Amino acid sequence: QSNVEGELINKLHEVGFSPASAEASAGRYDGI
């Protein structure tokens, strides 16, 4: 949880991509 827009965006970027590559077809999580 964050009240800060940029922190929410950073978290989406962090969890929305595979740690190996931003080009990966799936993220680190199965769902958000």
ModelCIF file with pLDDT and N, C-alpha, C, O atoms, coordinates in Angstrom:
data_MODEL
#
_entry.id   MODEL 
#
_entity.id                         1 
_entity.type                       polymer 
_entity.pdbx_number_of_molecules   1 
#
_entity_poly.entity_id                      1 
_entity_poly.type                           'polypeptide(L)' 
_entity_poly.nstd_linkage                   no 
_entity_poly.nstd_monomer                   no 
_entity_poly.pdbx_seq_one_letter_code       QSNVEGELINKLHEVGFSPASAEASAGRYDGI 
_entity_poly.pdbx_seq_one_letter_code_can   QSNVEGELINKLHEVGFSPASAEASAGRYDGI 
_entity_poly.pdbx_strand_id                 A 
#
loop_
_entity_poly_seq.entity_id 
_entity_poly_seq.num 
_entity_poly_seq.mon_id 
_entity_poly_seq.hetero 
1 1  GLN n 
1 2  SER n 
1 3  ASN n 
1 4  VAL n 
1 5  GLU n 
1 6  GLY n 
1 7  GLU n 
1 8  LEU n 
1 9  ILE n 
1 10 ASN n 
1 11 LYS n 
1 12 LEU n 
1 13 HIS n 
1 14 GLU n 
1 15 VAL n 
1 16 GLY n 
1 17 PHE n 
1 18 SER n 
1 19 PRO n 
1 20 ALA n 
1 21 SER n 
1 22 ALA n 
1 23 GLU n 
1 24 ALA n 
1 25 SER n 
1 26 ALA n 
1 27 GLY n 
1 28 ARG n 
1 29 TYR n 
1 30 ASP n 
1 31 GLY n 
1 32 ILE n 
#
_struct_asym.id          A 
_struct_asym.entity_id   1 
#
loop_
_ma_qa_metric.id 
_ma_qa_metric.mode 
_ma_qa_metric.name 
_ma_qa_metric.software_group_id 
_ma_qa_metric.type 
1 global pLDDT . pLDDT 
2 local  pLDDT . pLDDT 
#
_ma_qa_metric_global.metric_id      1 
_ma_qa_metric_global.metric_value   81.91 
_ma_qa_metric_global.model_id       1 
_ma_qa_metric_global.ordinal_id     1 
#
loop_
_ma_qa_metric_local.label_asym_id 
_ma_qa_metric_local.label_comp_id 
_ma_qa_metric_local.label_seq_id 
_ma_qa_metric_local.metric_id 
_ma_qa_metric_local.metric_value 
_ma_qa_metric_local.model_id 
_ma_qa_metric_local.ordinal_id 
A GLN 1  2 98.00 1 1  
A SER 2  2 98.00 1 2  
A ASN 3  2 98.00 1 3  
A VAL 4  2 98.00 1 4  
A GLU 5  2 98.00 1 5  
A GLY 6  2 97.00 1 6  
A GLU 7  2 98.00 1 7  
A LEU 8  2 98.00 1 8  
A ILE 9  2 97.00 1 9  
A ASN 10 2 96.00 1 10 
A LYS 11 2 97.00 1 11 
A LEU 12 2 97.00 1 12 
A HIS 13 2 95.00 1 13 
A GLU 14 2 93.00 1 14 
A VAL 15 2 93.00 1 15 
A GLY 16 2 91.00 1 16 
A PHE 17 2 79.00 1 17 
A SER 18 2 62.00 1 18 
A PRO 19 2 59.00 1 19 
A ALA 20 2 55.00 1 20 
A SER 21 2 50.00 1 21 
A ALA 22 2 49.00 1 22 
A GLU 23 2 51.00 1 23 
A ALA 24 2 48.00 1 24 
A SER 25 2 48.00 1 25 
A ALA 26 2 55.00 1 26 
A GLY 27 2 62.00 1 27 
A ARG 28 2 82.00 1 28 
A TYR 29 2 93.00 1 29 
A ASP 30 2 93.00 1 30 
A GLY 31 2 96.00 1 31 
A ILE 32 2 97.00 1 32 
#
loop_
_atom_site.group_PDB 
_atom_site.id 
_atom_site.type_symbol 
_atom_site.label_atom_id 
_atom_site.label_alt_id 
_atom_site.label_comp_id 
_atom_site.label_asym_id 
_atom_site.label_entity_id 
_atom_site.label_seq_id 
_atom_site.pdbx_PDB_ins_code 
_atom_site.Cartn_x 
_atom_site.Cartn_y 
_atom_site.Cartn_z 
_atom_site.occupancy 
_atom_site.B_iso_or_equiv 
_atom_site.pdbx_formal_charge 
_atom_site.auth_seq_id 
_atom_site.auth_comp_id 
_atom_site.auth_asym_id 
_atom_site.auth_atom_id 
_atom_site.pdbx_PDB_model_num 
ATOM 1   N N  . GLN A 1 1  ? 0.852  -1.188  0.000   1.00 98.00 ? 1  GLN A N  1 
ATOM 2   C CA . GLN A 1 1  ? 0.000  0.000   0.000   1.00 98.00 ? 1  GLN A CA 1 
ATOM 3   C C  . GLN A 1 1  ? 0.881  1.229   0.000   1.00 98.00 ? 1  GLN A C  1 
ATOM 4   O O  . GLN A 1 1  ? 1.908  1.276   0.677   1.00 98.00 ? 1  GLN A O  1 
ATOM 5   N N  . SER A 1 2  ? 0.467  2.230   -0.772  1.00 98.00 ? 2  SER A N  1 
ATOM 6   C CA . SER A 1 2  ? 1.147  3.519   -0.751  1.00 98.00 ? 2  SER A CA 1 
ATOM 7   C C  . SER A 1 2  ? 0.157  4.618   -1.087  1.00 98.00 ? 2  SER A C  1 
ATOM 8   O O  . SER A 1 2  ? -0.780 4.432   -1.863  1.00 98.00 ? 2  SER A O  1 
ATOM 9   N N  . ASN A 1 3  ? 0.395  5.760   -0.481  1.00 98.00 ? 3  ASN A N  1 
ATOM 10  C CA . ASN A 1 3  ? -0.373 6.959   -0.810  1.00 98.00 ? 3  ASN A CA 1 
ATOM 11  C C  . ASN A 1 3  ? 0.312  7.762   -1.909  1.00 98.00 ? 3  ASN A C  1 
ATOM 12  O O  . ASN A 1 3  ? -0.188 8.807   -2.324  1.00 98.00 ? 3  ASN A O  1 
ATOM 13  N N  . VAL A 1 4  ? 1.453  7.273   -2.377  1.00 98.00 ? 4  VAL A N  1 
ATOM 14  C CA . VAL A 1 4  ? 2.291  8.006   -3.321  1.00 98.00 ? 4  VAL A CA 1 
ATOM 15  C C  . VAL A 1 4  ? 2.210  7.362   -4.706  1.00 98.00 ? 4  VAL A C  1 
ATOM 16  O O  . VAL A 1 4  ? 2.540  6.188   -4.874  1.00 98.00 ? 4  VAL A O  1 
ATOM 17  N N  . GLU A 1 5  ? 1.779  8.125   -5.672  1.00 98.00 ? 5  GLU A N  1 
ATOM 18  C CA . GLU A 1 5  ? 1.582  7.632   -7.029  1.00 98.00 ? 5  GLU A CA 1 
ATOM 19  C C  . GLU A 1 5  ? 2.833  6.967   -7.602  1.00 98.00 ? 5  GLU A C  1 
ATOM 20  O O  . GLU A 1 5  ? 2.751  5.875   -8.165  1.00 98.00 ? 5  GLU A O  1 
ATOM 21  N N  . GLY A 1 6  ? 3.969  7.606   -7.464  1.00 97.00 ? 6  GLY A N  1 
ATOM 22  C CA . GLY A 1 6  ? 5.211  7.060   -8.020  1.00 97.00 ? 6  GLY A CA 1 
ATOM 23  C C  . GLY A 1 6  ? 5.602  5.740   -7.391  1.00 97.00 ? 6  GLY A C  1 
ATOM 24  O O  . GLY A 1 6  ? 6.151  4.875   -8.073  1.00 97.00 ? 6  GLY A O  1 
ATOM 25  N N  . GLU A 1 7  ? 5.333  5.562   -6.108  1.00 98.00 ? 7  GLU A N  1 
ATOM 26  C CA . GLU A 1 7  ? 5.635  4.291   -5.442  1.00 98.00 ? 7  GLU A CA 1 
ATOM 27  C C  . GLU A 1 7  ? 4.753  3.175   -5.991  1.00 98.00 ? 7  GLU A C  1 
ATOM 28  O O  . GLU A 1 7  ? 5.207  2.040   -6.137  1.00 98.00 ? 7  GLU A O  1 
ATOM 29  N N  . LEU A 1 8  ? 3.504  3.488   -6.295  1.00 98.00 ? 8  LEU A N  1 
ATOM 30  C CA . LEU A 1 8  ? 2.604  2.491   -6.892  1.00 98.00 ? 8  LEU A CA 1 
ATOM 31  C C  . LEU A 1 8  ? 3.100  2.095   -8.277  1.00 98.00 ? 8  LEU A C  1 
ATOM 32  O O  . LEU A 1 8  ? 3.092  0.916   -8.633  1.00 98.00 ? 8  LEU A O  1 
ATOM 33  N N  . ILE A 1 9  ? 3.527  3.077   -9.050  1.00 97.00 ? 9  ILE A N  1 
ATOM 34  C CA . ILE A 1 9  ? 4.060  2.803   -10.389 1.00 97.00 ? 9  ILE A CA 1 
ATOM 35  C C  . ILE A 1 9  ? 5.324  1.953   -10.293 1.00 97.00 ? 9  ILE A C  1 
ATOM 36  O O  . ILE A 1 9  ? 5.482  0.987   -11.039 1.00 97.00 ? 9  ILE A O  1 
ATOM 37  N N  . ASN A 1 10 ? 6.217  2.307   -9.385  1.00 96.00 ? 10 ASN A N  1 
ATOM 38  C CA . ASN A 1 10 ? 7.444  1.522   -9.206  1.00 96.00 ? 10 ASN A CA 1 
ATOM 39  C C  . ASN A 1 10 ? 7.131  0.082   -8.815  1.00 96.00 ? 10 ASN A C  1 
ATOM 40  O O  . ASN A 1 10 ? 7.782  -0.843  -9.300  1.00 96.00 ? 10 ASN A O  1 
ATOM 41  N N  . LYS A 1 11 ? 6.145  -0.120  -7.945  1.00 97.00 ? 11 LYS A N  1 
ATOM 42  C CA . LYS A 1 11 ? 5.785  -1.480  -7.526  1.00 97.00 ? 11 LYS A CA 1 
ATOM 43  C C  . LYS A 1 11 ? 5.210  -2.262  -8.699  1.00 97.00 ? 11 LYS A C  1 
ATOM 44  O O  . LYS A 1 11 ? 5.534  -3.438  -8.866  1.00 97.00 ? 11 LYS A O  1 
ATOM 45  N N  . LEU A 1 12 ? 4.367  -1.638  -9.514  1.00 97.00 ? 12 LEU A N  1 
ATOM 46  C CA . LEU A 1 12 ? 3.834  -2.311  -10.700 1.00 97.00 ? 12 LEU A CA 1 
ATOM 47  C C  . LEU A 1 12 ? 4.958  -2.726  -11.641 1.00 97.00 ? 12 LEU A C  1 
ATOM 48  O O  . LEU A 1 12 ? 4.943  -3.834  -12.176 1.00 97.00 ? 12 LEU A O  1 
ATOM 49  N N  . HIS A 1 13 ? 5.925  -1.852  -11.844 1.00 95.00 ? 13 HIS A N  1 
ATOM 50  C CA . HIS A 1 13 ? 7.067  -2.196  -12.696 1.00 95.00 ? 13 HIS A CA 1 
ATOM 51  C C  . HIS A 1 13 ? 7.854  -3.356  -12.091 1.00 95.00 ? 13 HIS A C  1 
ATOM 52  O O  . HIS A 1 13 ? 8.260  -4.274  -12.804 1.00 95.00 ? 13 HIS A O  1 
ATOM 53  N N  . GLU A 1 14 ? 8.067  -3.312  -10.791 1.00 93.00 ? 14 GLU A N  1 
ATOM 54  C CA . GLU A 1 14 ? 8.844  -4.346  -10.097 1.00 93.00 ? 14 GLU A CA 1 
ATOM 55  C C  . GLU A 1 14 ? 8.199  -5.719  -10.222 1.00 93.00 ? 14 GLU A C  1 
ATOM 56  O O  . GLU A 1 14 ? 8.883  -6.703  -10.502 1.00 93.00 ? 14 GLU A O  1 
ATOM 57  N N  . VAL A 1 15 ? 6.894  -5.791  -10.016 1.00 93.00 ? 15 VAL A N  1 
ATOM 58  C CA . VAL A 1 15 ? 6.224  -7.106  -9.979  1.00 93.00 ? 15 VAL A CA 1 
ATOM 59  C C  . VAL A 1 15 ? 5.651  -7.525  -11.325 1.00 93.00 ? 15 VAL A C  1 
ATOM 60  O O  . VAL A 1 15 ? 5.273  -8.683  -11.500 1.00 93.00 ? 15 VAL A O  1 
ATOM 61  N N  . GLY A 1 16 ? 5.582  -6.603  -12.275 1.00 91.00 ? 16 GLY A N  1 
ATOM 62  C CA . GLY A 1 16 ? 4.932  -6.889  -13.541 1.00 91.00 ? 16 GLY A CA 1 
ATOM 63  C C  . GLY A 1 16 ? 5.809  -7.464  -14.626 1.00 91.00 ? 16 GLY A C  1 
ATOM 64  O O  . GLY A 1 16 ? 5.332  -7.803  -15.709 1.00 91.00 ? 16 GLY A O  1 
ATOM 65  N N  . PHE A 1 17 ? 7.106  -7.575  -14.335 1.00 79.00 ? 17 PHE A N  1 
ATOM 66  C CA . PHE A 1 17 ? 8.031  -8.144  -15.300 1.00 79.00 ? 17 PHE A CA 1 
ATOM 67  C C  . PHE A 1 17 ? 8.819  -9.260  -14.650 1.00 79.00 ? 17 PHE A C  1 
ATOM 68  O O  . PHE A 1 17 ? 9.014  -9.259  -13.434 1.00 79.00 ? 17 PHE A O  1 
ATOM 69  N N  . SER A 1 18 ? 9.270  -10.203 -15.439 1.00 62.00 ? 18 SER A N  1 
ATOM 70  C CA . SER A 1 18 ? 10.151 -11.261 -14.967 1.00 62.00 ? 18 SER A CA 1 
ATOM 71  C C  . SER A 1 18 ? 11.471 -10.638 -14.515 1.00 62.00 ? 18 SER A C  1 
ATOM 72  O O  . SER A 1 18 ? 11.952 -9.701  -15.154 1.00 62.00 ? 18 SER A O  1 
ATOM 73  N N  . PRO A 1 19 ? 12.063 -11.128 -13.440 1.00 59.00 ? 19 PRO A N  1 
ATOM 74  C CA . PRO A 1 19 ? 13.339 -10.556 -13.007 1.00 59.00 ? 19 PRO A CA 1 
ATOM 75  C C  . PRO A 1 19 ? 14.461 -10.760 -14.026 1.00 59.00 ? 19 PRO A C  1 
ATOM 76  O O  . PRO A 1 19 ? 15.444 -10.020 -14.020 1.00 59.00 ? 19 PRO A O  1 
ATOM 77  N N  . ALA A 1 20 ? 14.321 -11.743 -14.884 1.00 55.00 ? 20 ALA A N  1 
ATOM 78  C CA . ALA A 1 20 ? 15.370 -12.029 -15.869 1.00 55.00 ? 20 ALA A CA 1 
ATOM 79  C C  . ALA A 1 20 ? 15.398 -10.990 -16.984 1.00 55.00 ? 20 ALA A C  1 
ATOM 80  O O  . ALA A 1 20 ? 16.465 -10.640 -17.487 1.00 55.00 ? 20 ALA A O  1 
ATOM 81  N N  . SER A 1 21 ? 14.218 -10.498 -17.367 1.00 50.00 ? 21 SER A N  1 
ATOM 82  C CA . SER A 1 21 ? 14.188 -9.605  -18.519 1.00 50.00 ? 21 SER A CA 1 
ATOM 83  C C  . SER A 1 21 ? 12.862 -8.869  -18.585 1.00 50.00 ? 21 SER A C  1 
ATOM 84  O O  . SER A 1 21 ? 11.801 -9.439  -18.331 1.00 50.00 ? 21 SER A O  1 
ATOM 85  N N  . ALA A 1 22 ? 12.941 -7.608  -18.926 1.00 49.00 ? 22 ALA A N  1 
ATOM 86  C CA . ALA A 1 22 ? 11.722 -6.820  -19.136 1.00 49.00 ? 22 ALA A CA 1 
ATOM 87  C C  . ALA A 1 22 ? 10.988 -7.284  -20.388 1.00 49.00 ? 22 ALA A C  1 
ATOM 88  O O  . ALA A 1 22 ? 9.831  -6.920  -20.600 1.00 49.00 ? 22 ALA A O  1 
ATOM 89  N N  . GLU A 1 23 ? 11.643 -8.072  -21.207 1.00 51.00 ? 23 GLU A N  1 
ATOM 90  C CA . GLU A 1 23 ? 11.033 -8.572  -22.434 1.00 51.00 ? 23 GLU A CA 1 
ATOM 91  C C  . GLU A 1 23 ? 10.314 -9.909  -22.227 1.00 51.00 ? 23 GLU A C  1 
ATOM 92  O O  . GLU A 1 23 ? 9.667  -10.416 -23.143 1.00 51.00 ? 23 GLU A O  1 
ATOM 93  N N  . ALA A 1 24 ? 10.426 -10.468 -21.040 1.00 48.00 ? 24 ALA A N  1 
ATOM 94  C CA . ALA A 1 24 ? 9.811  -11.772 -20.775 1.00 48.00 ? 24 ALA A CA 1 
ATOM 95  C C  . ALA A 1 24 ? 8.301  -11.698 -20.976 1.00 48.00 ? 24 ALA A C  1 
ATOM 96  O O  . ALA A 1 24 ? 7.694  -10.636 -20.841 1.00 48.00 ? 24 ALA A O  1 
ATOM 97  N N  . SER A 1 25 ? 7.719  -12.824 -21.295 1.00 48.00 ? 25 SER A N  1 
ATOM 98  C CA . SER A 1 25 ? 6.287  -12.839 -21.594 1.00 48.00 ? 25 SER A CA 1 
ATOM 99  C C  . SER A 1 25 ? 5.421  -12.829 -20.341 1.00 48.00 ? 25 SER A C  1 
ATOM 100 O O  . SER A 1 25 ? 4.221  -12.568 -20.426 1.00 48.00 ? 25 SER A O  1 
ATOM 101 N N  . ALA A 1 26 ? 6.003  -13.105 -19.193 1.00 55.00 ? 26 ALA A N  1 
ATOM 102 C CA . ALA A 1 26 ? 5.228  -13.105 -17.952 1.00 55.00 ? 26 ALA A CA 1 
ATOM 103 C C  . ALA A 1 26 ? 6.005  -12.397 -16.860 1.00 55.00 ? 26 ALA A C  1 
ATOM 104 O O  . ALA A 1 26 ? 7.224  -12.241 -16.943 1.00 55.00 ? 26 ALA A O  1 
ATOM 105 N N  . GLY A 1 27 ? 5.283  -11.972 -15.835 1.00 62.00 ? 27 GLY A N  1 
ATOM 106 C CA . GLY A 1 27 ? 5.911  -11.250 -14.740 1.00 62.00 ? 27 GLY A CA 1 
ATOM 107 C C  . GLY A 1 27 ? 6.338  -12.149 -13.605 1.00 62.00 ? 27 GLY A C  1 
ATOM 108 O O  . GLY A 1 27 ? 6.224  -13.372 -13.681 1.00 62.00 ? 27 GLY A O  1 
ATOM 109 N N  . ARG A 1 28 ? 6.827  -11.532 -12.560 1.00 82.00 ? 28 ARG A N  1 
ATOM 110 C CA . ARG A 1 28 ? 7.265  -12.239 -11.362 1.00 82.00 ? 28 ARG A CA 1 
ATOM 111 C C  . ARG A 1 28 ? 6.082  -12.814 -10.599 1.00 82.00 ? 28 ARG A C  1 
ATOM 112 O O  . ARG A 1 28 ? 6.246  -13.715 -9.776  1.00 82.00 ? 28 ARG A O  1 
ATOM 113 N N  . TYR A 1 29 ? 4.906  -12.299 -10.867 1.00 93.00 ? 29 TYR A N  1 
ATOM 114 C CA . TYR A 1 29 ? 3.689  -12.715 -10.173 1.00 93.00 ? 29 TYR A CA 1 
ATOM 115 C C  . TYR A 1 29 ? 2.707  -13.267 -11.196 1.00 93.00 ? 29 TYR A C  1 
ATOM 116 O O  . TYR A 1 29 ? 2.752  -12.928 -12.379 1.00 93.00 ? 29 TYR A O  1 
ATOM 117 N N  . ASP A 1 30 ? 1.825  -14.121 -10.712 1.00 93.00 ? 30 ASP A N  1 
ATOM 118 C CA . ASP A 1 30 ? 0.794  -14.669 -11.602 1.00 93.00 ? 30 ASP A CA 1 
ATOM 119 C C  . ASP A 1 30 ? -0.385 -13.721 -11.741 1.00 93.00 ? 30 ASP A C  1 
ATOM 120 O O  . ASP A 1 30 ? -1.162 -13.824 -12.691 1.00 93.00 ? 30 ASP A O  1 
ATOM 121 N N  . GLY A 1 31 ? -0.518 -12.810 -10.809 1.00 96.00 ? 31 GLY A N  1 
ATOM 122 C CA . GLY A 1 31 ? -1.613 -11.861 -10.871 1.00 96.00 ? 31 GLY A CA 1 
ATOM 123 C C  . GLY A 1 31 ? -1.393 -10.681 -9.960  1.00 96.00 ? 31 GLY A C  1 
ATOM 124 O O  . GLY A 1 31 ? -0.720 -10.774 -8.933  1.00 96.00 ? 31 GLY A O  1 
ATOM 125 N N  . ILE A 1 32 ? -1.979 -9.563  -10.362 1.00 97.00 ? 32 ILE A N  1 
ATOM 126 C CA . ILE A 1 32 ? -1.956 -8.342  -9.566  1.00 97.00 ? 32 ILE A CA 1 
ATOM 127 C C  . ILE A 1 32 ? -3.393 -7.903  -9.376  1.00 97.00 ? 32 ILE A C  1 
ATOM 128 O O  . ILE A 1 32 ? -3.648 -6.886  -8.731  1.00 97.00 ? 32 ILE A O  1 
#
